[in-house]
Amino acid sequence: MSPELAFILSVALRMAVAAAFVVTASMITERSGPAIGALVATLPVSAGPAYVSLALDHNDAFIAQSALASLPMNASTILMSLVYVHLAQTRSLIVSLGAGISIWFIFALLVRSFEWTLFAGIALNIVALAICLPLVQRFRIARMPLITRRWYDIPLRAALVATLVAAIVTLSSVLGPRISGVLALFPAVFSSLILVLMPRIGGRATAALLANSQWGMMGFGFAVLFLHLTALPLGRWAALSVALATCVAWNFGLWLYGRRKLAKAA
C-alpha cells in the first residue's frame, strides 16, 4: 500500500469513527442526559484510530513510548474540561470553547517540553483529577431542554465532526513533529460535542456532559497506562485490545454505579 493511500484511509477511518460516535453521544445526551452521554464521549474515539495507524507503521517499543507520552497529555484534556465547564455557565460558545482550547494548547505544549517518566505522568494525572473533580462536581446535573429534531441534524453533525477531524489530521501531517504530537491527541470529540450540543441544549447542559466526562477521563488514563505497560510483553495489538477493554469496562462500571445509586435513592 502506498503511503498516500494509507494516509487517506487513515484520515477517512478517523473521520468516520469520530463522526459516528459524536452523533451517537449527542443523541444519547439529548435523550438520556449528560451522565449517560459522557460514557460514550469518553471512549477512545479519536485516540483509538490514531494508535491503530501508529501500530501499522511502528513496532511495539514505539507504541509503548507513545503511550508514555500520551499519559501526561490526558491531564491537558481534564484541565480544558474544567475551564469550559465554568465558563459555559454564563459565556458564549466562542468564549467558553475558545478559552478551553487555548488552555489545552498552552498546557499541552508545556507538557511536551519535558521528558516524562511513568511516575511523573501518573502523578500529573492524579493532581489534575484531584483539583478538577471537586471543582466540576456541582455542575454535573443540569436540566435538559426539549429538543425538536430536524431532518438535516444528523448529516450536519456528522459533516461538522468529520471536517474538524480531517483538519486536525491534515495539519498534523504538515507541521513539525512537536506540534504534530500535540495535535494527535487534540480532544476532537469533546470539541465536536460542544460545537454540536451547545447551540441546541445550552451551555449548562453541555457543561454537565463535560463535568461527568472527567470520571471517564480517569478510565482513559488507566487505559493509556496499561497500553504502555503491556505493549512490549504482549505486543502492540494485544496491548491496544487491553487498553480498549479497560475503557469499556471502566465506563460500564460507572454506568452500573450510577444505576445502583439511583436505585438506592428511589
C-alpha atoms as a PDB file:
ATOM      1  CA  MET A   1       0.000   0.000   0.000  1.00  0.00           C
ATOM      2  CA  SER A   2       1.376   3.394  -0.967  1.00  0.00           C
ATOM      3  CA  PRO A   3       1.966   5.996   1.786  1.00  0.00           C
ATOM      4  CA  GLU A   4      -0.544   8.362   0.156  1.00  0.00           C
ATOM      5  CA  LEU A   5      -3.301   5.726   0.110  1.00  0.00           C
ATOM      6  CA  ALA A   6      -2.517   4.694   3.687  1.00  0.00           C
ATOM      7  CA  PHE A   7      -2.787   8.317   4.816  1.00  0.00           C
ATOM      8  CA  ILE A   8      -6.119   8.808   3.025  1.00  0.00           C
ATOM      9  CA  LEU A   9      -7.539   5.611   4.533  1.00  0.00           C
ATOM     10  CA  SER A  10      -6.307   6.630   7.985  1.00  0.00           C
ATOM     11  CA  VAL A  11      -7.956  10.049   7.710  1.00  0.00           C
ATOM     12  CA  ALA A  12     -11.184   8.505   6.388  1.00  0.00           C
ATOM     13  CA  LEU A  13     -11.268   5.991   9.259  1.00  0.00           C
ATOM     14  CA  ARG A  14     -10.788   8.656  11.904  1.00  0.00           C
ATOM     15  CA  MET A  15     -13.393  10.912  10.296  1.00  0.00           C
ATOM     16  CA  ALA A  16     -15.977   8.124  10.109  1.00  0.00           C
ATOM     17  CA  VAL A  17     -15.395   6.774  13.629  1.00  0.00           C
ATOM     18  CA  ALA A  18     -15.343  10.216  15.253  1.00  0.00           C
ATOM     19  CA  ALA A  19     -18.462  11.367  13.389  1.00  0.00           C
ATOM     20  CA  ALA A  20     -20.383   8.201  14.316  1.00  0.00           C
ATOM     21  CA  PHE A  21     -19.506   8.427  17.995  1.00  0.00           C
ATOM     22  CA  VAL A  22     -20.103  12.159  18.335  1.00  0.00           C
ATOM     23  CA  VAL A  23     -23.503  11.908  16.650  1.00  0.00           C
ATOM     24  CA  THR A  24     -24.373   8.938  18.880  1.00  0.00           C
ATOM     25  CA  ALA A  25     -23.148  10.672  22.040  1.00  0.00           C
ATOM     26  CA  SER A  26     -25.036  13.874  21.210  1.00  0.00           C
ATOM     27  CA  MET A  27     -28.294  11.965  20.595  1.00  0.00           C
ATOM     28  CA  ILE A  28     -27.865   9.963  23.806  1.00  0.00           C
ATOM     29  CA  THR A  29     -27.194  13.163  25.752  1.00  0.00           C
ATOM     30  CA  GLU A  30     -30.338  14.786  24.380  1.00  0.00           C
ATOM     31  CA  ARG A  31     -32.451  11.736  25.236  1.00  0.00           C
ATOM     32  CA  SER A  32     -30.890  10.324  28.414  1.00  0.00           C
ATOM     33  CA  GLY A  33     -28.953  13.218  29.930  1.00  0.00           C
ATOM     34  CA  PRO A  34     -25.305  14.235  30.294  1.00  0.00           C
ATOM     35  CA  ALA A  35     -24.242  11.410  32.609  1.00  0.00           C
ATOM     36  CA  ILE A  36     -25.037   8.688  30.055  1.00  0.00           C
ATOM     37  CA  GLY A  37     -23.741  10.766  27.137  1.00  0.00           C
ATOM     38  CA  ALA A  38     -20.431  11.163  28.934  1.00  0.00           C
ATOM     39  CA  LEU A  39     -19.948   7.377  28.987  1.00  0.00           C
ATOM     40  CA  VAL A  40     -19.983   7.334  25.183  1.00  0.00           C
ATOM     41  CA  ALA A  41     -17.973  10.536  24.805  1.00  0.00           C
ATOM     42  CA  THR A  42     -15.035   9.221  26.844  1.00  0.00           C
ATOM     43  CA  LEU A  43     -14.484   6.072  24.813  1.00  0.00           C
ATOM     44  CA  PRO A  44     -11.202   6.241  22.810  1.00  0.00           C
ATOM     45  CA  VAL A  45     -12.892   7.503  19.655  1.00  0.00           C
ATOM     46  CA  SER A  46     -10.129   9.824  18.476  1.00  0.00           C
ATOM     47  CA  ALA A  47      -7.062   8.313  20.127  1.00  0.00           C
ATOM     48  CA  GLY A  48      -8.002   4.728  19.156  1.00  0.00           C
ATOM     49  CA  PRO A  49      -7.771   5.157  15.365  1.00  0.00           C
ATOM     50  CA  ALA A  50      -4.653   7.290  15.829  1.00  0.00           C
ATOM     51  CA  TYR A  51      -2.933   4.469  17.715  1.00  0.00           C
ATOM     52  CA  VAL A  52      -4.074   1.890  15.169  1.00  0.00           C
ATOM     53  CA  SER A  53      -2.415   3.998  12.460  1.00  0.00           C
ATOM     54  CA  LEU A  54       0.768   4.187  14.535  1.00  0.00           C
ATOM     55  CA  ALA A  55       0.694   0.442  15.167  1.00  0.00           C
ATOM     56  CA  LEU A  56       0.534  -0.257  11.428  1.00  0.00           C
ATOM     57  CA  ASP A  57       3.737   1.707  10.826  1.00  0.00           C
ATOM     58  CA  HIS A  58       5.781   1.190  14.004  1.00  0.00           C
ATOM     59  CA  ASN A  59       6.938  -1.529  16.382  1.00  0.00           C
ATOM     60  CA  ASP A  60       5.940  -2.438  19.930  1.00  0.00           C
ATOM     61  CA  ALA A  61       8.575  -0.238  21.563  1.00  0.00           C
ATOM     62  CA  PHE A  62       7.330   2.824  19.662  1.00  0.00           C
ATOM     63  CA  ILE A  63       3.746   2.233  20.822  1.00  0.00           C
ATOM     64  CA  ALA A  64       4.908   1.808  24.423  1.00  0.00           C
ATOM     65  CA  GLN A  65       6.839   5.080  24.250  1.00  0.00           C
ATOM     66  CA  SER A  66       3.919   6.880  22.580  1.00  0.00           C
ATOM     67  CA  ALA A  67       1.586   5.757  25.347  1.00  0.00           C
ATOM     68  CA  LEU A  68       4.017   7.104  27.924  1.00  0.00           C
ATOM     69  CA  ALA A  69       3.959  10.475  26.139  1.00  0.00           C
ATOM     70  CA  SER A  70       0.150  10.392  25.973  1.00  0.00           C
ATOM     71  CA  LEU A  71      -0.270   9.897  29.715  1.00  0.00           C
ATOM     72  CA  PRO A  72       0.508  13.493  30.782  1.00  0.00           C
ATOM     73  CA  MET A  73      -1.474  14.795  27.787  1.00  0.00           C
ATOM     74  CA  ASN A  74      -4.597  13.323  29.391  1.00  0.00           C
ATOM     75  CA  ALA A  75      -4.238  15.961  32.098  1.00  0.00           C
ATOM     76  CA  SER A  76      -4.463  18.676  29.432  1.00  0.00           C
ATOM     77  CA  THR A  77      -7.933  17.479  28.411  1.00  0.00           C
ATOM     78  CA  ILE A  78      -9.035  17.307  32.050  1.00  0.00           C
ATOM     79  CA  LEU A  79      -7.942  20.924  32.531  1.00  0.00           C
ATOM     80  CA  MET A  80      -9.677  22.004  29.316  1.00  0.00           C
ATOM     81  CA  SER A  81     -12.917  20.480  30.589  1.00  0.00           C
ATOM     82  CA  LEU A  82     -12.612  22.388  33.861  1.00  0.00           C
ATOM     83  CA  VAL A  83     -12.201  25.724  32.076  1.00  0.00           C
ATOM     84  CA  TYR A  84     -15.065  25.068  29.682  1.00  0.00           C
ATOM     85  CA  VAL A  85     -17.454  23.843  32.377  1.00  0.00           C
ATOM     86  CA  HIS A  86     -17.078  27.032  34.415  1.00  0.00           C
ATOM     87  CA  LEU A  87     -17.193  29.476  31.510  1.00  0.00           C
ATOM     88  CA  ALA A  88     -20.132  27.789  29.754  1.00  0.00           C
ATOM     89  CA  GLN A  89     -22.427  28.642  32.647  1.00  0.00           C
ATOM     90  CA  THR A  90     -22.587  32.288  31.555  1.00  0.00           C
ATOM     91  CA  ARG A  91     -20.389  32.754  28.490  1.00  0.00           C
ATOM     92  CA  SER A  92     -20.950  32.164  24.777  1.00  0.00           C
ATOM     93  CA  LEU A  93     -19.825  29.198  22.707  1.00  0.00           C
ATOM     94  CA  ILE A  94     -16.924  31.120  21.183  1.00  0.00           C
ATOM     95  CA  VAL A  95     -15.622  32.375  24.522  1.00  0.00           C
ATOM     96  CA  SER A  96     -16.010  29.172  26.527  1.00  0.00           C
ATOM     97  CA  LEU A  97     -14.766  26.740  23.869  1.00  0.00           C
ATOM     98  CA  GLY A  98     -12.054  29.137  22.703  1.00  0.00           C
ATOM     99  CA  ALA A  99     -10.738  29.538  26.243  1.00  0.00           C
ATOM    100  CA  GLY A 100     -10.822  25.781  26.831  1.00  0.00           C
ATOM    101  CA  ILE A 101      -8.913  25.021  23.630  1.00  0.00           C
ATOM    102  CA  SER A 102      -6.391  27.795  24.355  1.00  0.00           C
ATOM    103  CA  ILE A 103      -5.712  26.391  27.819  1.00  0.00           C
ATOM    104  CA  TRP A 104      -5.375  22.914  26.318  1.00  0.00           C
ATOM    105  CA  PHE A 105      -2.758  24.053  23.794  1.00  0.00           C
ATOM    106  CA  ILE A 106      -0.775  26.048  26.352  1.00  0.00           C
ATOM    107  CA  PHE A 107      -0.728  23.204  28.855  1.00  0.00           C
ATOM    108  CA  ALA A 108      -0.102  20.587  26.152  1.00  0.00           C
ATOM    109  CA  LEU A 109       2.900  22.496  24.774  1.00  0.00           C
ATOM    110  CA  LEU A 110       4.305  22.833  28.296  1.00  0.00           C
ATOM    111  CA  VAL A 111       3.810  19.107  28.845  1.00  0.00           C
ATOM    112  CA  ARG A 112       5.554  18.276  25.562  1.00  0.00           C
ATOM    113  CA  SER A 113       8.551  20.391  26.594  1.00  0.00           C
ATOM    114  CA  PHE A 114       9.646  17.815  29.193  1.00  0.00           C
ATOM    115  CA  GLU A 115      10.684  14.186  29.148  1.00  0.00           C
ATOM    116  CA  TRP A 116       8.116  12.434  31.305  1.00  0.00           C
ATOM    117  CA  THR A 117       8.713   9.321  33.361  1.00  0.00           C
ATOM    118  CA  LEU A 118       5.930   6.889  34.140  1.00  0.00           C
ATOM    119  CA  PHE A 119       5.767   8.028  37.760  1.00  0.00           C
ATOM    120  CA  ALA A 120       5.622  11.706  36.779  1.00  0.00           C
ATOM    121  CA  GLY A 121       2.855  11.078  34.230  1.00  0.00           C
ATOM    122  CA  ILE A 122       0.761   9.203  36.792  1.00  0.00           C
ATOM    123  CA  ALA A 123       1.369  11.909  39.395  1.00  0.00           C
ATOM    124  CA  LEU A 124       0.293  14.670  36.989  1.00  0.00           C
ATOM    125  CA  ASN A 125      -2.996  12.892  36.249  1.00  0.00           C
ATOM    126  CA  ILE A 126      -3.659  12.359  39.957  1.00  0.00           C
ATOM    127  CA  VAL A 127      -3.028  16.037  40.706  1.00  0.00           C
ATOM    128  CA  ALA A 128      -5.206  17.173  37.766  1.00  0.00           C
ATOM    129  CA  LEU A 129      -8.103  14.946  38.813  1.00  0.00           C
ATOM    130  CA  ALA A 130      -7.745  15.852  42.481  1.00  0.00           C
ATOM    131  CA  ILE A 131      -8.052  19.538  41.577  1.00  0.00           C
ATOM    132  CA  CYS A 132     -10.644  19.362  38.800  1.00  0.00           C
ATOM    133  CA  LEU A 133     -13.125  16.736  40.021  1.00  0.00           C
ATOM    134  CA  PRO A 134     -14.245  18.702  43.108  1.00  0.00           C
ATOM    135  CA  LEU A 135     -14.439  21.920  41.069  1.00  0.00           C
ATOM    136  CA  VAL A 136     -16.858  20.439  38.494  1.00  0.00           C
ATOM    137  CA  GLN A 137     -18.911  18.339  40.911  1.00  0.00           C
ATOM    138  CA  ARG A 138     -21.717  20.881  41.324  1.00  0.00           C
ATOM    139  CA  PHE A 139     -22.111  21.220  37.546  1.00  0.00           C
ATOM    140  CA  ARG A 140     -22.712  17.523  36.825  1.00  0.00           C
ATOM    141  CA  ILE A 141     -26.509  17.816  36.897  1.00  0.00           C
ATOM    142  CA  ALA A 142     -28.376  20.134  34.546  1.00  0.00           C
ATOM    143  CA  ARG A 143     -31.904  20.334  33.210  1.00  0.00           C
ATOM    144  CA  MET A 144     -32.246  19.154  29.619  1.00  0.00           C
ATOM    145  CA  PRO A 145     -34.442  21.344  27.385  1.00  0.00           C
ATOM    146  CA  LEU A 146     -36.985  19.897  24.978  1.00  0.00           C
ATOM    147  CA  ILE A 147     -35.390  19.326  21.571  1.00  0.00           C
ATOM    148  CA  THR A 148     -37.092  19.311  18.180  1.00  0.00           C
ATOM    149  CA  ARG A 149     -35.045  17.347  15.660  1.00  0.00           C
ATOM    150  CA  ARG A 150     -34.837  18.408  12.053  1.00  0.00           C
ATOM    151  CA  TRP A 151     -34.143  16.115   9.101  1.00  0.00           C
ATOM    152  CA  TYR A 152     -30.700  17.601   8.483  1.00  0.00           C
ATOM    153  CA  ASP A 153     -29.484  17.420  12.108  1.00  0.00           C
ATOM    154  CA  ILE A 154     -27.609  14.123  11.882  1.00  0.00           C
ATOM    155  CA  PRO A 155     -25.928  14.748   8.467  1.00  0.00           C
ATOM    156  CA  LEU A 156     -24.922  18.229   9.628  1.00  0.00           C
ATOM    157  CA  ARG A 157     -23.418  16.922  12.860  1.00  0.00           C
ATOM    158  CA  ALA A 158     -21.515  14.161  11.037  1.00  0.00           C
ATOM    159  CA  ALA A 159     -20.171  16.628   8.458  1.00  0.00           C
ATOM    160  CA  LEU A 160     -19.059  19.057  11.174  1.00  0.00           C
ATOM    161  CA  VAL A 161     -17.178  16.391  13.123  1.00  0.00           C
ATOM    162  CA  ALA A 162     -15.607  14.836  10.025  1.00  0.00           C
ATOM    163  CA  THR A 163     -14.401  18.239   8.828  1.00  0.00           C
ATOM    164  CA  LEU A 164     -12.847  19.049  12.196  1.00  0.00           C
ATOM    165  CA  VAL A 165     -11.044  15.699  12.387  1.00  0.00           C
ATOM    166  CA  ALA A 166      -9.808  15.998   8.790  1.00  0.00           C
ATOM    167  CA  ALA A 167      -8.436  19.484   9.500  1.00  0.00           C
ATOM    168  CA  ILE A 168      -6.578  18.281  12.600  1.00  0.00           C
ATOM    169  CA  VAL A 169      -5.059  15.253  10.864  1.00  0.00           C
ATOM    170  CA  THR A 170      -4.053  17.304   7.814  1.00  0.00           C
ATOM    171  CA  LEU A 171      -2.394  19.964   9.964  1.00  0.00           C
ATOM    172  CA  SER A 172      -0.536  17.235  11.856  1.00  0.00           C
ATOM    173  CA  SER A 173       0.946  15.969   8.590  1.00  0.00           C
ATOM    174  CA  VAL A 174       2.376  19.334   7.509  1.00  0.00           C
ATOM    175  CA  LEU A 175       3.583  20.808  10.807  1.00  0.00           C
ATOM    176  CA  GLY A 176       6.671  19.905  12.801  1.00  0.00           C
ATOM    177  CA  PRO A 177       6.906  16.767  14.925  1.00  0.00           C
ATOM    178  CA  ARG A 178       6.317  18.542  18.256  1.00  0.00           C
ATOM    179  CA  ILE A 179       3.118  20.255  17.115  1.00  0.00           C
ATOM    180  CA  SER A 180       2.059  17.065  15.327  1.00  0.00           C
ATOM    181  CA  GLY A 181       2.413  15.124  18.551  1.00  0.00           C
ATOM    182  CA  VAL A 182       0.218  17.649  20.315  1.00  0.00           C
ATOM    183  CA  LEU A 183      -2.449  17.670  17.589  1.00  0.00           C
ATOM    184  CA  ALA A 184      -2.578  13.860  17.528  1.00  0.00           C
ATOM    185  CA  LEU A 185      -4.127  13.965  20.998  1.00  0.00           C
ATOM    186  CA  PHE A 186      -6.291  17.042  20.454  1.00  0.00           C
ATOM    187  CA  PRO A 187      -9.702  16.465  22.134  1.00  0.00           C
ATOM    188  CA  ALA A 188     -11.590  16.446  18.833  1.00  0.00           C
ATOM    189  CA  VAL A 189     -14.556  14.517  20.246  1.00  0.00           C
ATOM    190  CA  PHE A 190     -15.099  16.897  23.176  1.00  0.00           C
ATOM    191  CA  SER A 191     -14.694  19.939  20.915  1.00  0.00           C
ATOM    192  CA  SER A 192     -17.130  18.474  18.387  1.00  0.00           C
ATOM    193  CA  LEU A 193     -19.680  17.661  21.065  1.00  0.00           C
ATOM    194  CA  ILE A 194     -19.507  21.229  22.360  1.00  0.00           C
ATOM    195  CA  LEU A 195     -19.984  22.616  18.848  1.00  0.00           C
ATOM    196  CA  VAL A 196     -22.926  20.293  18.218  1.00  0.00           C
ATOM    197  CA  LEU A 197     -24.693  20.442  21.586  1.00  0.00           C
ATOM    198  CA  MET A 198     -24.185  23.929  22.996  1.00  0.00           C
ATOM    199  CA  PRO A 199     -26.323  25.717  20.365  1.00  0.00           C
ATOM    200  CA  ARG A 200     -29.078  23.107  20.894  1.00  0.00           C
ATOM    201  CA  ILE A 201     -29.205  22.393  24.631  1.00  0.00           C
ATOM    202  CA  GLY A 202     -27.340  25.389  26.058  1.00  0.00           C
ATOM    203  CA  GLY A 203     -24.109  25.901  27.943  1.00  0.00           C
ATOM    204  CA  ARG A 204     -25.136  24.455  31.302  1.00  0.00           C
ATOM    205  CA  ALA A 205     -26.390  21.140  29.925  1.00  0.00           C
ATOM    206  CA  THR A 206     -23.331  20.792  27.676  1.00  0.00           C
ATOM    207  CA  ALA A 207     -21.072  21.671  30.602  1.00  0.00           C
ATOM    208  CA  ALA A 208     -22.760  18.891  32.602  1.00  0.00           C
ATOM    209  CA  LEU A 209     -21.662  16.423  29.907  1.00  0.00           C
ATOM    210  CA  LEU A 210     -18.037  17.607  30.208  1.00  0.00           C
ATOM    211  CA  ALA A 211     -18.227  17.571  34.008  1.00  0.00           C
ATOM    212  CA  ASN A 212     -19.415  13.953  34.009  1.00  0.00           C
ATOM    213  CA  SER A 213     -16.759  13.071  31.429  1.00  0.00           C
ATOM    214  CA  GLN A 214     -13.943  13.720  33.891  1.00  0.00           C
ATOM    215  CA  TRP A 215     -14.612  10.384  35.565  1.00  0.00           C
ATOM    216  CA  GLY A 216     -14.345   8.740  32.152  1.00  0.00           C
ATOM    217  CA  MET A 217     -11.031  10.527  31.573  1.00  0.00           C
ATOM    218  CA  MET A 218      -9.741   8.729  34.634  1.00  0.00           C
ATOM    219  CA  GLY A 219     -10.506   5.441  32.892  1.00  0.00           C
ATOM    220  CA  PHE A 220      -8.795   6.659  29.733  1.00  0.00           C
ATOM    221  CA  GLY A 221      -5.716   7.407  31.821  1.00  0.00           C
ATOM    222  CA  PHE A 222      -5.731   3.817  33.095  1.00  0.00           C
ATOM    223  CA  ALA A 223      -6.073   2.569  29.506  1.00  0.00           C
ATOM    224  CA  VAL A 224      -3.037   4.564  28.358  1.00  0.00           C
ATOM    225  CA  LEU A 225      -1.089   3.317  31.382  1.00  0.00           C
ATOM    226  CA  PHE A 226      -1.917  -0.317  30.578  1.00  0.00           C
ATOM    227  CA  LEU A 227      -1.032   0.258  26.934  1.00  0.00           C
ATOM    228  CA  HIS A 228       2.420   1.437  27.968  1.00  0.00           C
ATOM    229  CA  LEU A 229       2.933  -1.463  30.384  1.00  0.00           C
ATOM    230  CA  THR A 230       1.714  -4.241  28.059  1.00  0.00           C
ATOM    231  CA  ALA A 231       2.940  -3.136  24.611  1.00  0.00           C
ATOM    232  CA  LEU A 232       6.338  -4.820  24.985  1.00  0.00           C
ATOM    233  CA  PRO A 233       5.434  -8.048  26.844  1.00  0.00           C
ATOM    234  CA  LEU A 234       2.169  -8.717  24.935  1.00  0.00           C
ATOM    235  CA  GLY A 235       2.772  -6.968  21.619  1.00  0.00           C
ATOM    236  CA  ARG A 236       1.155  -3.771  20.377  1.00  0.00           C
ATOM    237  CA  TRP A 237      -2.065  -5.325  19.032  1.00  0.00           C
ATOM    238  CA  ALA A 238      -2.829  -7.211  22.228  1.00  0.00           C
ATOM    239  CA  ALA A 239      -1.925  -4.116  24.229  1.00  0.00           C
ATOM    240  CA  LEU A 240      -4.332  -1.984  22.195  1.00  0.00           C
ATOM    241  CA  SER A 241      -7.053  -4.558  22.873  1.00  0.00           C
ATOM    242  CA  VAL A 242      -6.285  -4.380  26.604  1.00  0.00           C
ATOM    243  CA  ALA A 243      -6.481  -0.571  26.500  1.00  0.00           C
ATOM    244  CA  LEU A 244      -9.839  -0.629  24.684  1.00  0.00           C
ATOM    245  CA  ALA A 245     -11.219  -3.233  27.096  1.00  0.00           C
ATOM    246  CA  THR A 246     -10.082  -1.054  30.007  1.00  0.00           C
ATOM    247  CA  CYS A 247     -12.017   1.964  28.702  1.00  0.00           C
ATOM    248  CA  VAL A 248     -15.147  -0.065  28.034  1.00  0.00           C
ATOM    249  CA  ALA A 249     -15.009  -1.860  31.398  1.00  0.00           C
ATOM    250  CA  TRP A 250     -14.384   1.386  33.293  1.00  0.00           C
ATOM    251  CA  ASN A 251     -17.321   3.182  31.676  1.00  0.00           C
ATOM    252  CA  PHE A 252     -19.549   0.157  32.143  1.00  0.00           C
ATOM    253  CA  GLY A 253     -18.584   0.189  35.824  1.00  0.00           C
ATOM    254  CA  LEU A 254     -19.504   3.883  36.032  1.00  0.00           C
ATOM    255  CA  TRP A 255     -22.875   3.083  34.468  1.00  0.00           C
ATOM    256  CA  LEU A 256     -23.530   0.281  36.966  1.00  0.00           C
ATOM    257  CA  TYR A 257     -22.523   2.547  39.845  1.00  0.00           C
ATOM    258  CA  GLY A 258     -24.914   5.252  38.622  1.00  0.00           C
ATOM    259  CA  ARG A 259     -27.744   2.733  38.312  1.00  0.00           C
ATOM    260  CA  ARG A 260     -27.136   1.420  41.821  1.00  0.00           C
ATOM    261  CA  LYS A 261     -27.011   4.941  43.215  1.00  0.00           C
ATOM    262  CA  LEU A 262     -30.332   5.799  41.577  1.00  0.00           C
ATOM    263  CA  ALA A 263     -31.882   2.588  42.890  1.00  0.00           C
ATOM    264  CA  LYS A 264     -30.820   3.415  46.449  1.00  0.00           C
ATOM    265  CA  ALA A 265     -32.187   6.947  46.113  1.00  0.00           C
ATOM    266  CA  ALA A 266     -35.515   5.574  44.870  1.00  0.00           C
END
